PDB file of N, CA and C in Angstrom:
ATOM      1  N   MET A   1     -46.597  -9.470  14.548  1.00  0.00           N
ATOM      2  CA  MET A   1     -45.589  -8.529  14.121  1.00  0.00           C
ATOM      3  C   MET A   1     -45.417  -7.457  15.187  1.00  0.00           C
ATOM      4  N   THR A   2     -44.195  -7.029  15.349  1.00  0.00           N
ATOM      5  CA  THR A   2     -43.933  -5.975  16.314  1.00  0.00           C
ATOM      6  C   THR A   2     -43.886  -4.642  15.604  1.00  0.00           C
ATOM      7  N   LYS A   3     -44.267  -3.632  16.334  1.00  0.00           N
ATOM      8  CA  LYS A   3     -44.244  -2.288  15.792  1.00  0.00           C
ATOM      9  C   LYS A   3     -42.890  -1.659  16.065  1.00  0.00           C
ATOM     10  N   VAL A   4     -42.354  -0.985  15.077  1.00  0.00           N
ATOM     11  CA  VAL A   4     -41.072  -0.308  15.224  1.00  0.00           C
ATOM     12  C   VAL A   4     -41.363   1.176  15.368  1.00  0.00           C
ATOM     13  N   ASP A   5     -40.902   1.742  16.475  1.00  0.00           N
ATOM     14  CA  ASP A   5     -41.133   3.172  16.648  1.00  0.00           C
ATOM     15  C   ASP A   5     -39.933   3.967  16.152  1.00  0.00           C
ATOM     16  N   ALA A   6     -40.125   5.230  15.957  1.00  0.00           N
ATOM     17  CA  ALA A   6     -39.098   6.103  15.385  1.00  0.00           C
ATOM     18  C   ALA A   6     -37.877   6.188  16.294  1.00  0.00           C
ATOM     19  N   ALA A   7     -38.080   6.147  17.600  1.00  0.00           N
ATOM     20  CA  ALA A   7     -36.959   6.274  18.535  1.00  0.00           C
ATOM     21  C   ALA A   7     -36.014   5.080  18.416  1.00  0.00           C
ATOM     22  N   SER A   8     -36.554   3.881  18.264  1.00  0.00           N
ATOM     23  CA  SER A   8     -35.680   2.707  18.159  1.00  0.00           C
ATOM     24  C   SER A   8     -34.940   2.697  16.824  1.00  0.00           C
ATOM     25  N   VAL A   9     -35.581   3.168  15.759  1.00  0.00           N
ATOM     26  CA  VAL A   9     -34.919   3.245  14.458  1.00  0.00           C
ATOM     27  C   VAL A   9     -33.768   4.239  14.516  1.00  0.00           C
ATOM     28  N   LEU A  10     -34.005   5.402  15.141  1.00  0.00           N
ATOM     29  CA  LEU A  10     -32.948   6.407  15.279  1.00  0.00           C
ATOM     30  C   LEU A  10     -31.810   5.894  16.155  1.00  0.00           C
ATOM     31  N   ALA A  11     -32.139   5.149  17.196  1.00  0.00           N
ATOM     32  CA  ALA A  11     -31.100   4.597  18.065  1.00  0.00           C
ATOM     33  C   ALA A  11     -30.249   3.585  17.298  1.00  0.00           C
ATOM     34  N   MET A  12     -30.886   2.719  16.484  1.00  0.00           N
ATOM     35  CA  MET A  12     -30.132   1.762  15.678  1.00  0.00           C
ATOM     36  C   MET A  12     -29.270   2.483  14.648  1.00  0.00           C
ATOM     37  N   ARG A  13     -29.817   3.519  14.046  1.00  0.00           N
ATOM     38  CA  ARG A  13     -29.071   4.298  13.051  1.00  0.00           C
ATOM     39  C   ARG A  13     -27.826   4.923  13.679  1.00  0.00           C
ATOM     40  N   ASN A  14     -28.001   5.525  14.851  1.00  0.00           N
ATOM     41  CA  ASN A  14     -26.861   6.143  15.538  1.00  0.00           C
ATOM     42  C   ASN A  14     -25.814   5.115  15.936  1.00  0.00           C
ATOM     43  N   ALA A  15     -26.255   3.927  16.346  1.00  0.00           N
ATOM     44  CA  ALA A  15     -25.308   2.867  16.707  1.00  0.00           C
ATOM     45  C   ALA A  15     -24.515   2.417  15.485  1.00  0.00           C
ATOM     46  N   ILE A  16     -25.185   2.305  14.344  1.00  0.00           N
ATOM     47  CA  ILE A  16     -24.501   1.903  13.110  1.00  0.00           C
ATOM     48  C   ILE A  16     -23.501   2.973  12.691  1.00  0.00           C
ATOM     49  N   ILE A  17     -23.880   4.234  12.790  1.00  0.00           N
ATOM     50  CA  ILE A  17     -22.979   5.326  12.416  1.00  0.00           C
ATOM     51  C   ILE A  17     -21.754   5.352  13.331  1.00  0.00           C
ATOM     52  N   GLN A  18     -21.950   5.107  14.618  1.00  0.00           N
ATOM     53  CA  GLN A  18     -20.821   5.080  15.551  1.00  0.00           C
ATOM     54  C   GLN A  18     -19.896   3.903  15.270  1.00  0.00           C
ATOM     55  N   GLN A  19     -20.459   2.755  14.963  1.00  0.00           N
ATOM     56  CA  GLN A  19     -19.626   1.592  14.635  1.00  0.00           C
ATOM     57  C   GLN A  19     -18.848   1.834  13.350  1.00  0.00           C
ATOM     58  N   ASN A  20     -19.484   2.453  12.377  1.00  0.00           N
ATOM     59  CA  ASN A  20     -18.823   2.761  11.111  1.00  0.00           C
ATOM     60  C   ASN A  20     -17.663   3.730  11.342  1.00  0.00           C
ATOM     61  N   ALA A  21     -17.901   4.748  12.154  1.00  0.00           N
ATOM     62  CA  ALA A  21     -16.841   5.725  12.440  1.00  0.00           C
ATOM     63  C   ALA A  21     -15.675   5.074  13.174  1.00  0.00           C
ATOM     64  N   SER A  22     -15.971   4.175  14.107  1.00  0.00           N
ATOM     65  CA  SER A  22     -14.879   3.519  14.841  1.00  0.00           C
ATOM     66  C   SER A  22     -14.105   2.566  13.942  1.00  0.00           C
ATOM     67  N   LEU A  23     -14.795   1.888  13.002  1.00  0.00           N
ATOM     68  CA  LEU A  23     -14.095   1.015  12.053  1.00  0.00           C
ATOM     69  C   LEU A  23     -13.220   1.824  11.107  1.00  0.00           C
ATOM     70  N   GLN A  24     -13.716   2.977  10.643  1.00  0.00           N
ATOM     71  CA  GLN A  24     -12.915   3.824   9.769  1.00  0.00           C
ATOM     72  C   GLN A  24     -11.703   4.380  10.509  1.00  0.00           C
ATOM     73  N   LYS A  25     -11.898   4.728  11.771  1.00  0.00           N
ATOM     74  CA  LYS A  25     -10.774   5.237  12.571  1.00  0.00           C
ATOM     75  C   LYS A  25      -9.721   4.145  12.770  1.00  0.00           C
ATOM     76  N   ALA A  26     -10.162   2.915  13.002  1.00  0.00           N
ATOM     77  CA  ALA A  26      -9.229   1.797  13.177  1.00  0.00           C
ATOM     78  C   ALA A  26      -8.497   1.487  11.876  1.00  0.00           C
ATOM     79  N   ALA A  27      -9.169   1.697  10.739  1.00  0.00           N
ATOM     80  CA  ALA A  27      -8.551   1.427   9.441  1.00  0.00           C
ATOM     81  C   ALA A  27      -7.676   2.574   8.974  1.00  0.00           C
ATOM     82  N   GLY A  28      -7.707   3.696   9.683  1.00  0.00           N
ATOM     83  CA  GLY A  28      -6.873   4.835   9.305  1.00  0.00           C
ATOM     84  C   GLY A  28      -7.497   5.694   8.227  1.00  0.00           C
ATOM     85  N   VAL A  29      -8.812   5.625   8.077  1.00  0.00           N
ATOM     86  CA  VAL A  29      -9.512   6.425   7.085  1.00  0.00           C
ATOM     87  C   VAL A  29     -10.231   7.541   7.806  1.00  0.00           C
ATOM     88  N   ALA A  30     -10.152   8.741   7.240  1.00  0.00           N
ATOM     89  CA  ALA A  30     -10.856   9.864   7.838  1.00  0.00           C
ATOM     90  C   ALA A  30     -12.357   9.604   7.756  1.00  0.00           C
ATOM     91  N   PRO A  31     -13.116   9.879   8.827  1.00  0.00           N
ATOM     92  CA  PRO A  31     -14.559   9.662   8.781  1.00  0.00           C
ATOM     93  C   PRO A  31     -15.193  10.453   7.648  1.00  0.00           C
ATOM     94  N   GLY A  32     -16.072   9.785   6.935  1.00  0.00           N
ATOM     95  CA  GLY A  32     -16.728  10.417   5.802  1.00  0.00           C
ATOM     96  C   GLY A  32     -15.966  10.242   4.512  1.00  0.00           C
ATOM     97  N   GLY A  33     -14.722   9.819   4.578  1.00  0.00           N
ATOM     98  CA  GLY A  33     -13.892   9.626   3.382  1.00  0.00           C
ATOM     99  C   GLY A  33     -13.861   8.167   3.007  1.00  0.00           C
ATOM    100  N   ALA A  34     -13.339   7.908   1.849  1.00  0.00           N
ATOM    101  CA  ALA A  34     -13.240   6.523   1.389  1.00  0.00           C
ATOM    102  C   ALA A  34     -11.773   6.144   1.286  1.00  0.00           C
ATOM    103  N   ALA A  35     -11.491   4.887   1.522  1.00  0.00           N
ATOM    104  CA  ALA A  35     -10.108   4.421   1.479  1.00  0.00           C
ATOM    105  C   ALA A  35      -9.552   4.465   0.065  1.00  0.00           C
ATOM    106  N   GLY A  36     -10.398   4.327  -0.943  1.00  0.00           N
ATOM    107  CA  GLY A  36      -9.948   4.282  -2.317  1.00  0.00           C
ATOM    108  C   GLY A  36      -9.765   5.642  -2.962  1.00  0.00           C
ATOM    109  N   LYS A  37      -9.843   6.723  -2.212  1.00  0.00           N
ATOM    110  CA  LYS A  37      -9.759   8.056  -2.784  1.00  0.00           C
ATOM    111  C   LYS A  37      -8.343   8.600  -2.860  1.00  0.00           C
ATOM    112  N   SER A  38      -7.338   7.793  -2.556  1.00  0.00           N
ATOM    113  CA  SER A  38      -5.970   8.277  -2.655  1.00  0.00           C
ATOM    114  C   SER A  38      -5.608   8.416  -4.129  1.00  0.00           C
ATOM    115  N   ASP A  39      -4.757   9.357  -4.430  1.00  0.00           N
ATOM    116  CA  ASP A  39      -4.409   9.585  -5.822  1.00  0.00           C
ATOM    117  C   ASP A  39      -3.375   8.576  -6.298  1.00  0.00           C
ATOM    118  N   PHE A  40      -3.399   8.312  -7.588  1.00  0.00           N
ATOM    119  CA  PHE A  40      -2.535   7.297  -8.181  1.00  0.00           C
ATOM    120  C   PHE A  40      -1.073   7.710  -8.090  1.00  0.00           C
ATOM    121  N   ALA A  41      -0.801   8.991  -8.341  1.00  0.00           N
ATOM    122  CA  ALA A  41       0.583   9.464  -8.304  1.00  0.00           C
ATOM    123  C   ALA A  41       1.179   9.307  -6.903  1.00  0.00           C
ATOM    124  N   GLY A  42       0.394   9.592  -5.883  1.00  0.00           N
ATOM    125  CA  GLY A  42       0.877   9.441  -4.515  1.00  0.00           C
ATOM    126  C   GLY A  42       1.159   7.990  -4.160  1.00  0.00           C
ATOM    127  N   ALA A  43       0.283   7.104  -4.610  1.00  0.00           N
ATOM    128  CA  ALA A  43       0.492   5.677  -4.354  1.00  0.00           C
ATOM    129  C   ALA A  43       1.732   5.172  -5.072  1.00  0.00           C
ATOM    130  N   LEU A  44       1.913   5.623  -6.316  1.00  0.00           N
ATOM    131  CA  LEU A  44       3.077   5.198  -7.082  1.00  0.00           C
ATOM    132  C   LEU A  44       4.367   5.737  -6.465  1.00  0.00           C
ATOM    133  N   LYS A  45       4.330   6.995  -6.040  1.00  0.00           N
ATOM    134  CA  LYS A  45       5.513   7.585  -5.411  1.00  0.00           C
ATOM    135  C   LYS A  45       5.848   6.866  -4.103  1.00  0.00           C
ATOM    136  N   GLY A  46       4.826   6.514  -3.336  1.00  0.00           N
ATOM    137  CA  GLY A  46       5.048   5.775  -2.091  1.00  0.00           C
ATOM    138  C   GLY A  46       5.663   4.411  -2.341  1.00  0.00           C
ATOM    139  N   ALA A  47       5.189   3.730  -3.381  1.00  0.00           N
ATOM    140  CA  ALA A  47       5.742   2.416  -3.714  1.00  0.00           C
ATOM    141  C   ALA A  47       7.193   2.537  -4.157  1.00  0.00           C
ATOM    142  N   LEU A  48       7.492   3.549  -4.956  1.00  0.00           N
ATOM    143  CA  LEU A  48       8.877   3.750  -5.400  1.00  0.00           C
ATOM    144  C   LEU A  48       9.791   4.097  -4.227  1.00  0.00           C
ATOM    145  N   ASN A  49       9.292   4.897  -3.296  1.00  0.00           N
ATOM    146  CA  ASN A  49      10.089   5.225  -2.110  1.00  0.00           C
ATOM    147  C   ASN A  49      10.345   3.982  -1.262  1.00  0.00           C
ATOM    148  N   GLU A  50       9.350   3.092  -1.183  1.00  0.00           N
ATOM    149  CA  GLU A  50       9.531   1.862  -0.418  1.00  0.00           C
ATOM    150  C   GLU A  50      10.572   0.953  -1.067  1.00  0.00           C
ATOM    151  N   VAL A  51      10.538   0.851  -2.392  1.00  0.00           N
ATOM    152  CA  VAL A  51      11.539   0.042  -3.106  1.00  0.00           C
ATOM    153  C   VAL A  51      12.925   0.652  -2.921  1.00  0.00           C
ATOM    154  N   ASN A  52      13.012   1.976  -2.979  1.00  0.00           N
ATOM    155  CA  ASN A  52      14.286   2.651  -2.756  1.00  0.00           C
ATOM    156  C   ASN A  52      14.815   2.383  -1.349  1.00  0.00           C
ATOM    157  N   GLU A  53      13.929   2.385  -0.372  1.00  0.00           N
ATOM    158  CA  GLU A  53      14.333   2.104   1.010  1.00  0.00           C
ATOM    159  C   GLU A  53      14.828   0.665   1.153  1.00  0.00           C
ATOM    160  N   LEU A  54      14.153  -0.270   0.490  1.00  0.00           N
ATOM    161  CA  LEU A  54      14.604  -1.669   0.525  1.00  0.00           C
ATOM    162  C   LEU A  54      15.991  -1.810  -0.084  1.00  0.00           C
ATOM    163  N   GLN A  55      16.242  -1.105  -1.187  1.00  0.00           N
ATOM    164  CA  GLN A  55      17.556  -1.184  -1.819  1.00  0.00           C
ATOM    165  C   GLN A  55      18.627  -0.531  -0.951  1.00  0.00           C
ATOM    166  N   SER A  56      18.278   0.541  -0.264  1.00  0.00           N
ATOM    167  CA  SER A  56      19.243   1.182   0.637  1.00  0.00           C
ATOM    168  C   SER A  56      19.596   0.265   1.799  1.00  0.00           C
ATOM    169  N   LYS A  57      18.577  -0.395   2.357  1.00  0.00           N
ATOM    170  CA  LYS A  57      18.833  -1.334   3.459  1.00  0.00           C
ATOM    171  C   LYS A  57      19.677  -2.508   2.988  1.00  0.00           C
ATOM    172  N   SER A  58      19.410  -2.975   1.787  1.00  0.00           N
ATOM    173  CA  SER A  58      20.179  -4.082   1.228  1.00  0.00           C
ATOM    174  C   SER A  58      21.638  -3.684   1.056  1.00  0.00           C
ATOM    175  N   SER A  59      21.853  -2.504   0.527  1.00  0.00           N
ATOM    176  CA  SER A  59      23.219  -2.022   0.333  1.00  0.00           C
ATOM    177  C   SER A  59      23.939  -1.846   1.667  1.00  0.00           C
ATOM    178  N   ALA A  60      23.231  -1.306   2.649  1.00  0.00           N
ATOM    179  CA  ALA A  60      23.836  -1.120   3.970  1.00  0.00           C
ATOM    180  C   ALA A  60      24.175  -2.464   4.616  1.00  0.00           C
ATOM    181  N   ALA A  61      23.285  -3.448   4.480  1.00  0.00           N
ATOM    182  CA  ALA A  61      23.542  -4.768   5.054  1.00  0.00           C
ATOM    183  C   ALA A  61      24.722  -5.440   4.359  1.00  0.00           C
ATOM    184  N   THR A  62      24.809  -5.291   3.047  1.00  0.00           N
ATOM    185  CA  THR A  62      25.926  -5.875   2.294  1.00  0.00           C
ATOM    186  C   THR A  62      27.244  -5.228   2.707  1.00  0.00           C
ATOM    187  N   ASP A  63      27.239  -3.897   2.812  1.00  0.00           N
ATOM    188  CA  ASP A  63      28.458  -3.191   3.237  1.00  0.00           C
ATOM    189  C   ASP A  63      28.883  -3.596   4.641  1.00  0.00           C
ATOM    190  N   ALA A  64      27.912  -3.750   5.545  1.00  0.00           N
ATOM    191  CA  ALA A  64      28.230  -4.160   6.914  1.00  0.00           C
ATOM    192  C   ALA A  64      28.827  -5.561   6.942  1.00  0.00           C
ATOM    193  N   TYR A  65      28.311  -6.446   6.094  1.00  0.00           N
ATOM    194  CA  TYR A  65      28.853  -7.803   6.043  1.00  0.00           C
ATOM    195  C   TYR A  65      30.273  -7.795   5.471  1.00  0.00           C
ATOM    196  N   GLU A  66      30.497  -6.980   4.447  1.00  0.00           N
ATOM    197  CA  GLU A  66      31.835  -6.909   3.840  1.00  0.00           C
ATOM    198  C   GLU A  66      32.862  -6.313   4.802  1.00  0.00           C
ATOM    199  N   ARG A  67      32.433  -5.398   5.644  1.00  0.00           N
ATOM    200  CA  ARG A  67      33.353  -4.801   6.630  1.00  0.00           C
ATOM    201  C   ARG A  67      33.589  -5.725   7.814  1.00  0.00           C
ATOM    202  N   GLY A  68      32.725  -6.737   7.972  1.00  0.00           N
ATOM    203  CA  GLY A  68      32.869  -7.653   9.096  1.00  0.00           C
ATOM    204  C   GLY A  68      32.076  -7.218  10.307  1.00  0.00           C
ATOM    205  N   ASP A  69      31.198  -6.218  10.158  1.00  0.00           N
ATOM    206  CA  ASP A  69      30.395  -5.749  11.285  1.00  0.00           C
ATOM    207  C   ASP A  69      29.323  -6.760  11.683  1.00  0.00           C
ATOM    208  N   THR A  70      28.891  -7.561  10.748  1.00  0.00           N
ATOM    209  CA  THR A  70      27.891  -8.583  11.034  1.00  0.00           C
ATOM    210  C   THR A  70      28.330  -9.898  10.396  1.00  0.00           C
ATOM    211  N   ALA A  71      27.938 -10.990  11.028  1.00  0.00           N
ATOM    212  CA  ALA A  71      28.278 -12.308  10.502  1.00  0.00           C
ATOM    213  C   ALA A  71      27.019 -13.060  10.076  1.00  0.00           C
ATOM    214  N   ASP A  72      25.888 -12.384  10.106  1.00  0.00           N
ATOM    215  CA  ASP A  72      24.617 -13.016   9.777  1.00  0.00           C
ATOM    216  C   ASP A  72      24.353 -12.904   8.278  1.00  0.00           C
ATOM    217  N   ILE A  73      24.828 -13.887   7.539  1.00  0.00           N
ATOM    218  CA  ILE A  73      24.682 -13.880   6.083  1.00  0.00           C
ATOM    219  C   ILE A  73      23.223 -14.071   5.680  1.00  0.00           C
ATOM    220  N   ALA A  74      22.437 -14.741   6.518  1.00  0.00           N
ATOM    221  CA  ALA A  74      21.027 -14.968   6.186  1.00  0.00           C
ATOM    222  C   ALA A  74      20.254 -13.651   6.117  1.00  0.00           C
ATOM    223  N   SER A  75      20.495 -12.753   7.062  1.00  0.00           N
ATOM    224  CA  SER A  75      19.782 -11.467   7.038  1.00  0.00           C
ATOM    225  C   SER A  75      20.229 -10.612   5.855  1.00  0.00           C
ATOM    226  N   VAL A  76      21.513 -10.713   5.494  1.00  0.00           N
ATOM    227  CA  VAL A  76      22.017  -9.964   4.333  1.00  0.00           C
ATOM    228  C   VAL A  76      21.364 -10.483   3.064  1.00  0.00           C
ATOM    229  N   MET A  77      21.310 -11.786   2.906  1.00  0.00           N
ATOM    230  CA  MET A  77      20.696 -12.365   1.701  1.00  0.00           C
ATOM    231  C   MET A  77      19.196 -12.091   1.660  1.00  0.00           C
ATOM    232  N   LEU A  78      18.556 -12.099   2.808  1.00  0.00           N
ATOM    233  CA  LEU A  78      17.131 -11.793   2.862  1.00  0.00           C
ATOM    234  C   LEU A  78      16.876 -10.344   2.439  1.00  0.00           C
ATOM    235  N   ALA A  79      17.705  -9.422   2.909  1.00  0.00           N
ATOM    236  CA  ALA A  79      17.565  -8.015   2.519  1.00  0.00           C
ATOM    237  C   ALA A  79      17.793  -7.843   1.023  1.00  0.00           C
ATOM    238  N   ARG A  80      18.788  -8.552   0.487  1.00  0.00           N
ATOM    239  CA  ARG A  80      19.066  -8.462  -0.952  1.00  0.00           C
ATOM    240  C   ARG A  80      17.918  -9.030  -1.781  1.00  0.00           C
ATOM    241  N   GLU A  81      17.333 -10.136  -1.337  1.00  0.00           N
ATOM    242  CA  GLU A  81      16.213 -10.738  -2.057  1.00  0.00           C
ATOM    243  C   GLU A  81      14.971  -9.852  -2.002  1.00  0.00           C
ATOM    244  N   LYS A  82      14.722  -9.225  -0.840  1.00  0.00           N
ATOM    245  CA  LYS A  82      13.595  -8.294  -0.741  1.00  0.00           C
ATOM    246  C   LYS A  82      13.764  -7.134  -1.710  1.00  0.00           C
ATOM    247  N   ALA A  83      14.963  -6.599  -1.776  1.00  0.00           N
ATOM    248  CA  ALA A  83      15.234  -5.486  -2.683  1.00  0.00           C
ATOM    249  C   ALA A  83      15.086  -5.925  -4.132  1.00  0.00           C
ATOM    250  N   SER A  84      15.576  -7.099  -4.447  1.00  0.00           N
ATOM    251  CA  SER A  84      15.469  -7.613  -5.808  1.00  0.00           C
ATOM    252  C   SER A  84      14.014  -7.851  -6.193  1.00  0.00           C
ATOM    253  N   LEU A  85      13.256  -8.435  -5.299  1.00  0.00           N
ATOM    254  CA  LEU A  85      11.847  -8.701  -5.562  1.00  0.00           C
ATOM    255  C   LEU A  85      11.063  -7.399  -5.737  1.00  0.00           C
ATOM    256  N   GLY A  86      11.347  -6.421  -4.900  1.00  0.00           N
ATOM    257  CA  GLY A  86      10.689  -5.122  -5.029  1.00  0.00           C
ATOM    258  C   GLY A  86      11.011  -4.452  -6.348  1.00  0.00           C
ATOM    259  N   PHE A  87      12.267  -4.530  -6.755  1.00  0.00           N
ATOM    260  CA  PHE A  87      12.671  -3.935  -8.032  1.00  0.00           C
ATOM    261  C   PHE A  87      12.003  -4.643  -9.205  1.00  0.00           C
ATOM    262  N   GLN A  88      11.980  -5.969  -9.169  1.00  0.00           N
ATOM    263  CA  GLN A  88      11.351  -6.728 -10.249  1.00  0.00           C
ATOM    264  C   GLN A  88       9.863  -6.431 -10.348  1.00  0.00           C
ATOM    265  N   ALA A  89       9.195  -6.316  -9.210  1.00  0.00           N
ATOM    266  CA  ALA A  89       7.769  -5.984  -9.220  1.00  0.00           C
ATOM    267  C   ALA A  89       7.542  -4.587  -9.787  1.00  0.00           C
ATOM    268  N   THR A  90       8.395  -3.650  -9.413  1.00  0.00           N
ATOM    269  CA  THR A  90       8.289  -2.282  -9.939  1.00  0.00           C
ATOM    270  C   THR A  90       8.513  -2.276 -11.441  1.00  0.00           C
ATOM    271  N   LEU A  91       9.469  -3.039 -11.901  1.00  0.00           N
ATOM    272  CA  LEU A  91       9.747  -3.125 -13.327  1.00  0.00           C
ATOM    273  C   LEU A  91       8.557  -3.705 -14.092  1.00  0.00           C
ATOM    274  N   GLN A  92       7.920  -4.730 -13.530  1.00  0.00           N
ATOM    275  CA  GLN A  92       6.759  -5.327 -14.181  1.00  0.00           C
ATOM    276  C   GLN A  92       5.576  -4.359 -14.224  1.00  0.00           C
ATOM    277  N   VAL A  93       5.377  -3.599 -13.159  1.00  0.00           N
ATOM    278  CA  VAL A  93       4.305  -2.594 -13.146  1.00  0.00           C
ATOM    279  C   VAL A  93       4.583  -1.526 -14.195  1.00  0.00           C
ATOM    280  N   ARG A  94       5.839  -1.092 -14.292  1.00  0.00           N
ATOM    281  CA  ARG A  94       6.200  -0.095 -15.301  1.00  0.00           C
ATOM    282  C   ARG A  94       5.927  -0.626 -16.701  1.00  0.00           C
ATOM    283  N   ASN A  95       6.300  -1.873 -16.960  1.00  0.00           N
ATOM    284  CA  ASN A  95       6.070  -2.465 -18.273  1.00  0.00           C
ATOM    285  C   ASN A  95       4.582  -2.548 -18.600  1.00  0.00           C
ATOM    286  N   LYS A  96       3.767  -2.915 -17.616  1.00  0.00           N
ATOM    287  CA  LYS A  96       2.325  -2.987 -17.847  1.00  0.00           C
ATOM    288  C   LYS A  96       1.742  -1.600 -18.100  1.00  0.00           C
ATOM    289  N   LEU A  97       2.218  -0.598 -17.368  1.00  0.00           N
ATOM    290  CA  LEU A  97       1.731   0.772 -17.579  1.00  0.00           C
ATOM    291  C   LEU A  97       2.107   1.277 -18.967  1.00  0.00           C
ATOM    292  N   LEU A  98       3.330   1.012 -19.395  1.00  0.00           N
ATOM    293  CA  LEU A  98       3.738   1.431 -20.731  1.00  0.00           C
ATOM    294  C   LEU A  98       2.950   0.707 -21.813  1.00  0.00           C
ATOM    295  N   SER A  99       2.692  -0.562 -21.606  1.00  0.00           N
ATOM    296  CA  SER A  99       1.901  -1.316 -22.570  1.00  0.00           C
ATOM    297  C   SER A  99       0.477  -0.768 -22.656  1.00  0.00           C
ATOM    298  N   ALA A 100      -0.116  -0.454 -21.513  1.00  0.00           N
ATOM    299  CA  ALA A 100      -1.461   0.110 -21.512  1.00  0.00           C
ATOM    300  C   ALA A 100      -1.475   1.479 -22.185  1.00  0.00           C
ATOM    301  N   TYR A 101      -0.444   2.288 -21.929  1.00  0.00           N
ATOM    302  CA  TYR A 101      -0.351   3.607 -22.555  1.00  0.00           C
ATOM    303  C   TYR A 101      -0.253   3.479 -24.074  1.00  0.00           C
ATOM    304  N   LYS A 102       0.583   2.552 -24.541  1.00  0.00           N
ATOM    305  CA  LYS A 102       0.725   2.346 -25.986  1.00  0.00           C
ATOM    306  C   LYS A 102      -0.584   1.870 -26.605  1.00  0.00           C
ATOM    307  N   ASP A 103      -1.291   0.979 -25.903  1.00  0.00           N
ATOM    308  CA  ASP A 103      -2.579   0.495 -26.408  1.00  0.00           C
ATOM    309  C   ASP A 103      -3.593   1.633 -26.511  1.00  0.00           C
ATOM    310  N   ILE A 104      -3.618   2.486 -25.519  1.00  0.00           N
ATOM    311  CA  ILE A 104      -4.554   3.606 -25.517  1.00  0.00           C
ATOM    312  C   ILE A 104      -4.196   4.584 -26.632  1.00  0.00           C
ATOM    313  N   MET A 105      -2.911   4.848 -26.802  1.00  0.00           N
ATOM    314  CA  MET A 105      -2.495   5.822 -27.818  1.00  0.00           C
ATOM    315  C   MET A 105      -2.716   5.287 -29.243  1.00  0.00           C
ATOM    316  N   SER A 106      -2.728   3.979 -29.416  1.00  0.00           N
ATOM    317  CA  SER A 106      -2.920   3.427 -30.752  1.00  0.00           C
ATOM    318  C   SER A 106      -4.409   3.248 -31.102  1.00  0.00           C
ATOM    319  N   MET A 107      -5.299   3.554 -30.174  1.00  0.00           N
ATOM    320  CA  MET A 107      -6.730   3.442 -30.452  1.00  0.00           C
ATOM    321  C   MET A 107      -7.161   4.518 -31.436  1.00  0.00           C
ATOM    322  N   PRO A 108      -8.004   4.140 -32.379  1.00  0.00           N
ATOM    323  CA  PRO A 108      -8.499   5.165 -33.295  1.00  0.00           C
ATOM    324  C   PRO A 108      -9.456   6.128 -32.591  1.00  0.00           C
ATOM    325  N   VAL A 109      -9.400   7.376 -33.010  1.00  0.00           N
ATOM    326  CA  VAL A 109     -10.240   8.390 -32.357  1.00  0.00           C
ATOM    327  C   VAL A 109     -11.482   8.620 -33.145  1.00  0.00           C
TER     328      VAL A 109
END
């Protein structure tokens, strides 16, 4: 068996801490913080803003096609489908949240 001295343990510890910090920096997480600590309201607002942006792009692409500015019907249909899919997903999340809220409110106290 080999003996482990305190200096080598501290060196390994520091190397692990540096690797962890570099991985967190690459992932966009503040060092010492956790990725899962974002608030629910902020995440929901971000998702709604993204769906709104998809619908705006879809509307702009449709208007451009109707004016004759673009002849690429595939990109217009793709933008419309992305917007539709985003809206449907948002609607399903809303329905699940309302169902969970109703279930919680109907629980006996």
